Amino acid sequence: MNRPFTVFIIDDDEPVRSALEGLLDVLGVRVRTFCSAKAFLESYADDWTGCVFADLRMPGMGGLELLEELRRRKIPLPAVLMTGQGDEDFLPAAHDAGAVAALQKPFSVKRLKSILQHQMSKFSVATTDRRADGG
């Protein structure tokens, strides 16, 4: 059984998690939130589908380290890195680490919707392809 597309928000800042969760809820997107990369990795299940929105700078494991760990564990969830630091320096590092996009807080709803639509369209194609193959 396929699980619905879910956005996994990983941010140590509770108000940011809540605000992003509320916005995505209004947009009709399923959300799960985590206060740390460690909490996300400990909860992860192989049947999860969707994408990760992770903060660049968090205590313990930050967003770049999380992307490396996702790749190491062969977790196939695309990831978007977010930062509130305002430094442009992280953009090449995010891309090199495999992020599908990078957002600087505060980000526009239009940009967020664009990223989500792109990721959800890939999910729909993948789901359709699996059904066409009988799986």
N, C-alpha and C. Protein backbone atom coordinates (compact mmCIF):
# COMPACT_ATOMS: atom_id res chain seq x y z
N MET A 1 0.84 -1.18 0.00
CA MET A 1 0.00 0.00 0.00
C MET A 1 0.89 1.25 0.00
N ASN A 2 0.62 2.17 -0.90
CA ASN A 2 1.39 3.40 -0.97
C ASN A 2 0.92 4.41 0.06
N ARG A 3 1.84 5.06 0.68
CA ARG A 3 1.52 6.12 1.63
C ARG A 3 1.34 7.42 0.87
N PRO A 4 0.56 8.35 1.43
CA PRO A 4 0.38 9.64 0.76
C PRO A 4 1.65 10.49 0.82
N PHE A 5 1.77 11.40 -0.13
CA PHE A 5 2.88 12.34 -0.15
C PHE A 5 2.84 13.17 1.13
N THR A 6 3.97 13.22 1.81
CA THR A 6 4.06 13.94 3.08
C THR A 6 5.29 14.84 3.06
N VAL A 7 5.16 16.03 3.63
CA VAL A 7 6.31 16.90 3.84
C VAL A 7 6.77 16.68 5.28
N PHE A 8 8.03 16.31 5.42
CA PHE A 8 8.64 16.08 6.73
C PHE A 8 9.44 17.33 7.09
N ILE A 9 8.93 18.11 8.04
CA ILE A 9 9.58 19.35 8.46
C ILE A 9 10.51 19.03 9.62
N ILE A 10 11.79 19.38 9.46
CA ILE A 10 12.77 19.14 10.50
C ILE A 10 13.42 20.48 10.83
N ASP A 11 13.08 21.01 12.00
CA ASP A 11 13.58 22.32 12.42
C ASP A 11 13.55 22.38 13.94
N ASP A 12 14.60 22.89 14.53
CA ASP A 12 14.66 22.96 16.00
C ASP A 12 13.85 24.12 16.56
N ASP A 13 13.38 25.00 15.69
CA ASP A 13 12.62 26.18 16.11
C ASP A 13 11.12 25.86 16.03
N GLU A 14 10.48 25.66 17.19
CA GLU A 14 9.08 25.26 17.22
C GLU A 14 8.15 26.22 16.50
N PRO A 15 8.31 27.55 16.67
CA PRO A 15 7.43 28.46 15.93
C PRO A 15 7.55 28.32 14.40
N VAL A 16 8.75 28.03 13.92
CA VAL A 16 8.93 27.82 12.48
C VAL A 16 8.22 26.55 12.05
N ARG A 17 8.39 25.48 12.82
CA ARG A 17 7.71 24.22 12.50
C ARG A 17 6.20 24.42 12.46
N SER A 18 5.67 25.09 13.48
CA SER A 18 4.22 25.31 13.56
C SER A 18 3.71 26.16 12.42
N ALA A 19 4.42 27.24 12.11
CA ALA A 19 3.99 28.13 11.03
C ALA A 19 4.00 27.41 9.68
N LEU A 20 5.07 26.67 9.42
CA LEU A 20 5.17 25.95 8.15
C LEU A 20 4.12 24.83 8.08
N GLU A 21 3.91 24.16 9.20
CA GLU A 21 2.88 23.12 9.24
C GLU A 21 1.50 23.71 8.96
N GLY A 22 1.20 24.86 9.56
CA GLY A 22 -0.09 25.52 9.33
C GLY A 22 -0.27 25.93 7.88
N LEU A 23 0.77 26.49 7.29
CA LEU A 23 0.71 26.91 5.90
C LEU A 23 0.48 25.71 4.98
N LEU A 24 1.23 24.65 5.20
CA LEU A 24 1.08 23.47 4.36
C LEU A 24 -0.29 22.82 4.55
N ASP A 25 -0.81 22.88 5.77
CA ASP A 25 -2.14 22.35 6.03
C ASP A 25 -3.19 23.11 5.22
N VAL A 26 -3.06 24.44 5.18
CA VAL A 26 -3.97 25.27 4.39
C VAL A 26 -3.87 24.91 2.90
N LEU A 27 -2.66 24.55 2.46
CA LEU A 27 -2.45 24.17 1.07
C LEU A 27 -2.90 22.74 0.78
N GLY A 28 -3.33 22.03 1.82
CA GLY A 28 -3.82 20.67 1.65
C GLY A 28 -2.73 19.61 1.59
N VAL A 29 -1.56 19.93 2.16
CA VAL A 29 -0.43 19.01 2.13
C VAL A 29 -0.30 18.32 3.48
N ARG A 30 -0.10 17.02 3.46
CA ARG A 30 0.10 16.23 4.68
C ARG A 30 1.49 16.55 5.25
N VAL A 31 1.57 16.71 6.58
CA VAL A 31 2.82 17.14 7.22
C VAL A 31 3.11 16.29 8.45
N ARG A 32 4.39 16.04 8.68
CA ARG A 32 4.88 15.51 9.95
C ARG A 32 6.05 16.37 10.36
N THR A 33 6.14 16.72 11.63
CA THR A 33 7.21 17.60 12.09
C THR A 33 8.13 16.87 13.06
N PHE A 34 9.39 17.31 13.05
CA PHE A 34 10.42 16.76 13.93
C PHE A 34 11.29 17.90 14.43
N CYS A 35 11.69 17.83 15.69
CA CYS A 35 12.49 18.90 16.30
C CYS A 35 13.98 18.72 16.04
N SER A 36 14.38 17.60 15.46
CA SER A 36 15.80 17.37 15.16
C SER A 36 15.94 16.33 14.06
N ALA A 37 17.11 16.35 13.43
CA ALA A 37 17.42 15.35 12.42
C ALA A 37 17.46 13.96 13.06
N LYS A 38 17.98 13.88 14.27
CA LYS A 38 18.05 12.61 14.99
C LYS A 38 16.64 12.04 15.19
N ALA A 39 15.69 12.87 15.63
CA ALA A 39 14.32 12.41 15.84
C ALA A 39 13.71 11.90 14.53
N PHE A 40 13.98 12.59 13.43
CA PHE A 40 13.48 12.16 12.13
C PHE A 40 14.06 10.79 11.77
N LEU A 41 15.38 10.66 11.86
CA LEU A 41 16.04 9.41 11.48
C LEU A 41 15.59 8.24 12.36
N GLU A 42 15.36 8.50 13.64
CA GLU A 42 14.90 7.44 14.54
C GLU A 42 13.48 6.99 14.22
N SER A 43 12.68 7.89 13.66
CA SER A 43 11.28 7.58 13.34
C SER A 43 11.10 7.05 11.93
N TYR A 44 12.07 7.27 11.06
CA TYR A 44 11.94 6.97 9.64
C TYR A 44 11.49 5.53 9.38
N ALA A 45 10.55 5.38 8.44
CA ALA A 45 10.09 4.07 7.98
C ALA A 45 10.29 3.99 6.46
N ASP A 46 10.66 2.82 5.99
CA ASP A 46 10.98 2.63 4.57
C ASP A 46 9.83 2.97 3.62
N ASP A 47 8.60 2.94 4.10
CA ASP A 47 7.47 3.20 3.21
C ASP A 47 7.06 4.67 3.16
N TRP A 48 7.83 5.55 3.80
CA TRP A 48 7.50 6.98 3.76
C TRP A 48 7.75 7.52 2.36
N THR A 49 6.83 8.38 1.91
CA THR A 49 6.97 9.05 0.62
C THR A 49 6.74 10.54 0.82
N GLY A 50 7.40 11.34 0.01
CA GLY A 50 7.25 12.78 0.11
C GLY A 50 8.59 13.46 0.00
N CYS A 51 8.77 14.54 0.76
CA CYS A 51 10.05 15.23 0.76
C CYS A 51 10.32 15.82 2.14
N VAL A 52 11.58 16.10 2.36
CA VAL A 52 12.08 16.63 3.62
C VAL A 52 12.34 18.12 3.46
N PHE A 53 11.91 18.91 4.45
CA PHE A 53 12.27 20.32 4.55
C PHE A 53 13.06 20.44 5.85
N ALA A 54 14.37 20.64 5.74
CA ALA A 54 15.23 20.64 6.92
C ALA A 54 15.97 21.96 7.07
N ASP A 55 16.08 22.41 8.31
CA ASP A 55 16.84 23.61 8.62
C ASP A 55 18.33 23.32 8.45
N LEU A 56 19.03 24.29 7.92
CA LEU A 56 20.47 24.15 7.71
C LEU A 56 21.22 24.03 9.03
N ARG A 57 20.86 24.89 9.98
CA ARG A 57 21.59 24.95 11.25
C ARG A 57 20.69 24.50 12.40
N MET A 58 21.04 23.34 12.94
CA MET A 58 20.33 22.81 14.10
C MET A 58 21.38 22.23 15.05
N PRO A 59 21.08 22.21 16.34
CA PRO A 59 21.99 21.55 17.27
C PRO A 59 22.16 20.08 16.90
N GLY A 60 23.34 19.56 17.10
CA GLY A 60 23.60 18.17 16.73
C GLY A 60 23.83 18.08 15.25
N MET A 61 22.94 17.42 14.55
CA MET A 61 23.05 17.22 13.11
C MET A 61 22.29 18.31 12.37
N GLY A 62 22.99 19.09 11.58
CA GLY A 62 22.37 20.13 10.77
C GLY A 62 21.88 19.57 9.45
N GLY A 63 21.32 20.43 8.63
CA GLY A 63 20.73 20.01 7.36
C GLY A 63 21.70 19.36 6.40
N LEU A 64 22.91 19.90 6.27
CA LEU A 64 23.89 19.30 5.36
C LEU A 64 24.28 17.90 5.82
N GLU A 65 24.48 17.76 7.12
CA GLU A 65 24.83 16.44 7.67
C GLU A 65 23.66 15.46 7.49
N LEU A 66 22.44 15.96 7.63
CA LEU A 66 21.27 15.12 7.42
C LEU A 66 21.23 14.62 5.99
N LEU A 67 21.50 15.50 5.03
CA LEU A 67 21.50 15.08 3.63
C LEU A 67 22.54 13.99 3.39
N GLU A 68 23.71 14.15 3.99
CA GLU A 68 24.75 13.13 3.86
C GLU A 68 24.28 11.80 4.45
N GLU A 69 23.59 11.86 5.58
CA GLU A 69 23.09 10.65 6.23
C GLU A 69 21.97 10.01 5.41
N LEU A 70 21.10 10.82 4.82
CA LEU A 70 20.05 10.28 3.95
C LEU A 70 20.69 9.51 2.79
N ARG A 71 21.71 10.09 2.20
CA ARG A 71 22.40 9.45 1.08
C ARG A 71 23.10 8.17 1.55
N ARG A 72 23.77 8.24 2.70
CA ARG A 72 24.48 7.07 3.23
C ARG A 72 23.52 5.91 3.50
N ARG A 73 22.33 6.23 4.04
CA ARG A 73 21.33 5.20 4.35
C ARG A 73 20.46 4.83 3.15
N LYS A 74 20.71 5.49 2.02
CA LYS A 74 19.93 5.26 0.80
C LYS A 74 18.45 5.53 1.02
N ILE A 75 18.16 6.59 1.75
CA ILE A 75 16.78 7.03 1.96
C ILE A 75 16.40 7.91 0.77
N PRO A 76 15.41 7.50 0.00
CA PRO A 76 15.13 8.16 -1.28
C PRO A 76 14.27 9.43 -1.21
N LEU A 77 14.19 10.07 -0.07
CA LEU A 77 13.37 11.28 0.03
C LEU A 77 14.16 12.50 -0.45
N PRO A 78 13.61 13.26 -1.41
CA PRO A 78 14.27 14.51 -1.80
C PRO A 78 14.22 15.48 -0.63
N ALA A 79 15.22 16.37 -0.58
CA ALA A 79 15.30 17.30 0.55
C ALA A 79 15.48 18.74 0.09
N VAL A 80 14.82 19.62 0.83
CA VAL A 80 14.92 21.06 0.65
C VAL A 80 15.57 21.59 1.92
N LEU A 81 16.63 22.38 1.78
CA LEU A 81 17.26 22.98 2.94
C LEU A 81 16.75 24.40 3.13
N MET A 82 16.55 24.77 4.40
CA MET A 82 16.07 26.11 4.75
C MET A 82 17.09 26.75 5.68
N THR A 83 17.25 28.06 5.55
CA THR A 83 18.11 28.77 6.48
C THR A 83 17.53 30.13 6.80
N GLY A 84 17.75 30.56 8.00
CA GLY A 84 17.36 31.90 8.42
C GLY A 84 18.57 32.79 8.59
N GLN A 85 19.73 32.25 8.25
CA GLN A 85 20.98 32.98 8.48
C GLN A 85 21.24 34.07 7.45
N GLY A 86 20.61 33.99 6.30
CA GLY A 86 20.78 35.01 5.27
C GLY A 86 22.09 34.91 4.53
N ASP A 87 22.84 33.81 4.71
CA ASP A 87 24.10 33.71 3.98
C ASP A 87 23.90 32.93 2.69
N GLU A 88 24.37 33.51 1.61
CA GLU A 88 24.26 32.89 0.30
C GLU A 88 25.26 31.75 0.15
N ASP A 89 26.24 31.67 1.04
CA ASP A 89 27.30 30.68 0.93
C ASP A 89 26.79 29.25 0.98
N PHE A 90 25.64 29.03 1.61
CA PHE A 90 25.16 27.67 1.77
C PHE A 90 24.54 27.11 0.50
N LEU A 91 24.19 27.95 -0.46
CA LEU A 91 23.51 27.47 -1.66
C LEU A 91 24.33 26.44 -2.44
N PRO A 92 25.60 26.70 -2.76
CA PRO A 92 26.38 25.67 -3.46
C PRO A 92 26.56 24.40 -2.62
N ALA A 93 26.76 24.57 -1.33
CA ALA A 93 26.93 23.39 -0.46
C ALA A 93 25.65 22.57 -0.42
N ALA A 94 24.49 23.23 -0.39
CA ALA A 94 23.21 22.52 -0.38
C ALA A 94 23.05 21.72 -1.68
N HIS A 95 23.37 22.35 -2.78
CA HIS A 95 23.28 21.68 -4.08
C HIS A 95 24.24 20.49 -4.13
N ASP A 96 25.47 20.70 -3.70
CA ASP A 96 26.47 19.63 -3.71
C ASP A 96 26.06 18.46 -2.83
N ALA A 97 25.35 18.75 -1.74
CA ALA A 97 24.92 17.69 -0.81
C ALA A 97 23.69 16.95 -1.33
N GLY A 98 23.08 17.45 -2.41
CA GLY A 98 21.95 16.75 -3.01
C GLY A 98 20.60 17.38 -2.75
N ALA A 99 20.56 18.58 -2.18
CA ALA A 99 19.28 19.25 -1.95
C ALA A 99 18.63 19.56 -3.30
N VAL A 100 17.32 19.36 -3.37
CA VAL A 100 16.59 19.67 -4.60
C VAL A 100 16.28 21.17 -4.68
N ALA A 101 16.34 21.85 -3.54
CA ALA A 101 16.11 23.29 -3.50
C ALA A 101 16.63 23.83 -2.17
N ALA A 102 16.78 25.14 -2.12
CA ALA A 102 17.20 25.82 -0.90
C ALA A 102 16.32 27.05 -0.71
N LEU A 103 15.91 27.27 0.52
CA LEU A 103 15.04 28.40 0.84
C LEU A 103 15.65 29.23 1.95
N GLN A 104 15.60 30.54 1.78
CA GLN A 104 16.03 31.42 2.85
C GLN A 104 14.80 31.96 3.55
N LYS A 105 14.78 31.83 4.87
CA LYS A 105 13.65 32.30 5.68
C LYS A 105 13.75 33.81 5.83
N PRO A 106 12.69 34.54 5.79
CA PRO A 106 11.36 34.06 5.41
C PRO A 106 11.28 33.88 3.90
N PHE A 107 10.61 32.84 3.45
CA PHE A 107 10.48 32.58 2.03
C PHE A 107 9.05 32.84 1.59
N SER A 108 8.88 33.07 0.31
CA SER A 108 7.55 33.40 -0.20
C SER A 108 6.70 32.14 -0.34
N VAL A 109 5.42 32.31 -0.18
CA VAL A 109 4.47 31.20 -0.38
C VAL A 109 4.55 30.73 -1.83
N LYS A 110 4.74 31.66 -2.74
CA LYS A 110 4.83 31.30 -4.15
C LYS A 110 6.01 30.36 -4.40
N ARG A 111 7.15 30.67 -3.82
CA ARG A 111 8.34 29.81 -3.99
C ARG A 111 8.10 28.44 -3.35
N LEU A 112 7.53 28.42 -2.17
CA LEU A 112 7.22 27.17 -1.48
C LEU A 112 6.28 26.31 -2.33
N LYS A 113 5.22 26.92 -2.86
CA LYS A 113 4.26 26.19 -3.68
C LYS A 113 4.91 25.63 -4.94
N SER A 114 5.81 26.41 -5.54
CA SER A 114 6.51 25.97 -6.73
C SER A 114 7.34 24.72 -6.45
N ILE A 115 8.07 24.73 -5.35
CA ILE A 115 8.90 23.57 -4.98
C ILE A 115 8.00 22.37 -4.70
N LEU A 116 6.93 22.58 -3.95
CA LEU A 116 6.02 21.47 -3.63
C LEU A 116 5.37 20.89 -4.87
N GLN A 117 4.90 21.75 -5.76
CA GLN A 117 4.25 21.26 -6.98
C GLN A 117 5.21 20.41 -7.79
N HIS A 118 6.47 20.85 -7.87
CA HIS A 118 7.47 20.09 -8.62
C HIS A 118 7.70 18.72 -7.98
N GLN A 119 7.86 18.68 -6.66
CA GLN A 119 8.10 17.41 -5.97
C GLN A 119 6.87 16.51 -6.04
N MET A 120 5.69 17.07 -5.89
CA MET A 120 4.47 16.26 -5.94
C MET A 120 4.22 15.72 -7.35
N SER A 121 4.59 16.48 -8.38
CA SER A 121 4.42 15.98 -9.74
C SER A 121 5.34 14.80 -10.00
N LYS A 122 6.54 14.81 -9.45
CA LYS A 122 7.46 13.68 -9.57
C LYS A 122 6.89 12.46 -8.84
N PHE A 123 6.28 12.70 -7.69
CA PHE A 123 5.68 11.63 -6.90
C PHE A 123 4.53 10.99 -7.68
N SER A 124 3.69 11.81 -8.32
CA SER A 124 2.56 11.29 -9.09
C SER A 124 3.04 10.45 -10.26
N VAL A 125 4.08 10.90 -10.92
CA VAL A 125 4.63 10.14 -12.04
C VAL A 125 5.18 8.81 -11.53
N ALA A 126 5.91 8.84 -10.42
CA ALA A 126 6.47 7.61 -9.87
C ALA A 126 5.36 6.65 -9.48
N THR A 127 4.30 7.16 -8.86
CA THR A 127 3.19 6.31 -8.46
C THR A 127 2.51 5.71 -9.69
N THR A 128 2.29 6.52 -10.71
CA THR A 128 1.68 6.04 -11.94
C THR A 128 2.55 4.98 -12.59
N ASP A 129 3.86 5.22 -12.62
CA ASP A 129 4.78 4.26 -13.22
C ASP A 129 4.73 2.92 -12.49
N ARG A 130 4.69 2.94 -11.17
CA ARG A 130 4.65 1.70 -10.41
C ARG A 130 3.38 0.92 -10.72
N ARG A 131 2.27 1.61 -10.81
CA ARG A 131 1.01 0.93 -11.10
C ARG A 131 1.02 0.35 -12.51
N ALA A 132 1.61 1.09 -13.44
CA ALA A 132 1.68 0.61 -14.82
C ALA A 132 2.53 -0.66 -14.91
N ASP A 133 3.52 -0.79 -14.04
CA ASP A 133 4.39 -1.96 -14.04
C ASP A 133 3.79 -3.11 -13.24
N GLY A 134 2.61 -2.88 -12.67
CA GLY A 134 1.97 -3.92 -11.89
C GLY A 134 2.39 -3.93 -10.45
N GLY A 135 3.20 -2.95 -10.02
CA GLY A 135 3.67 -2.95 -8.65
C GLY A 135 3.19 -1.78 -7.97
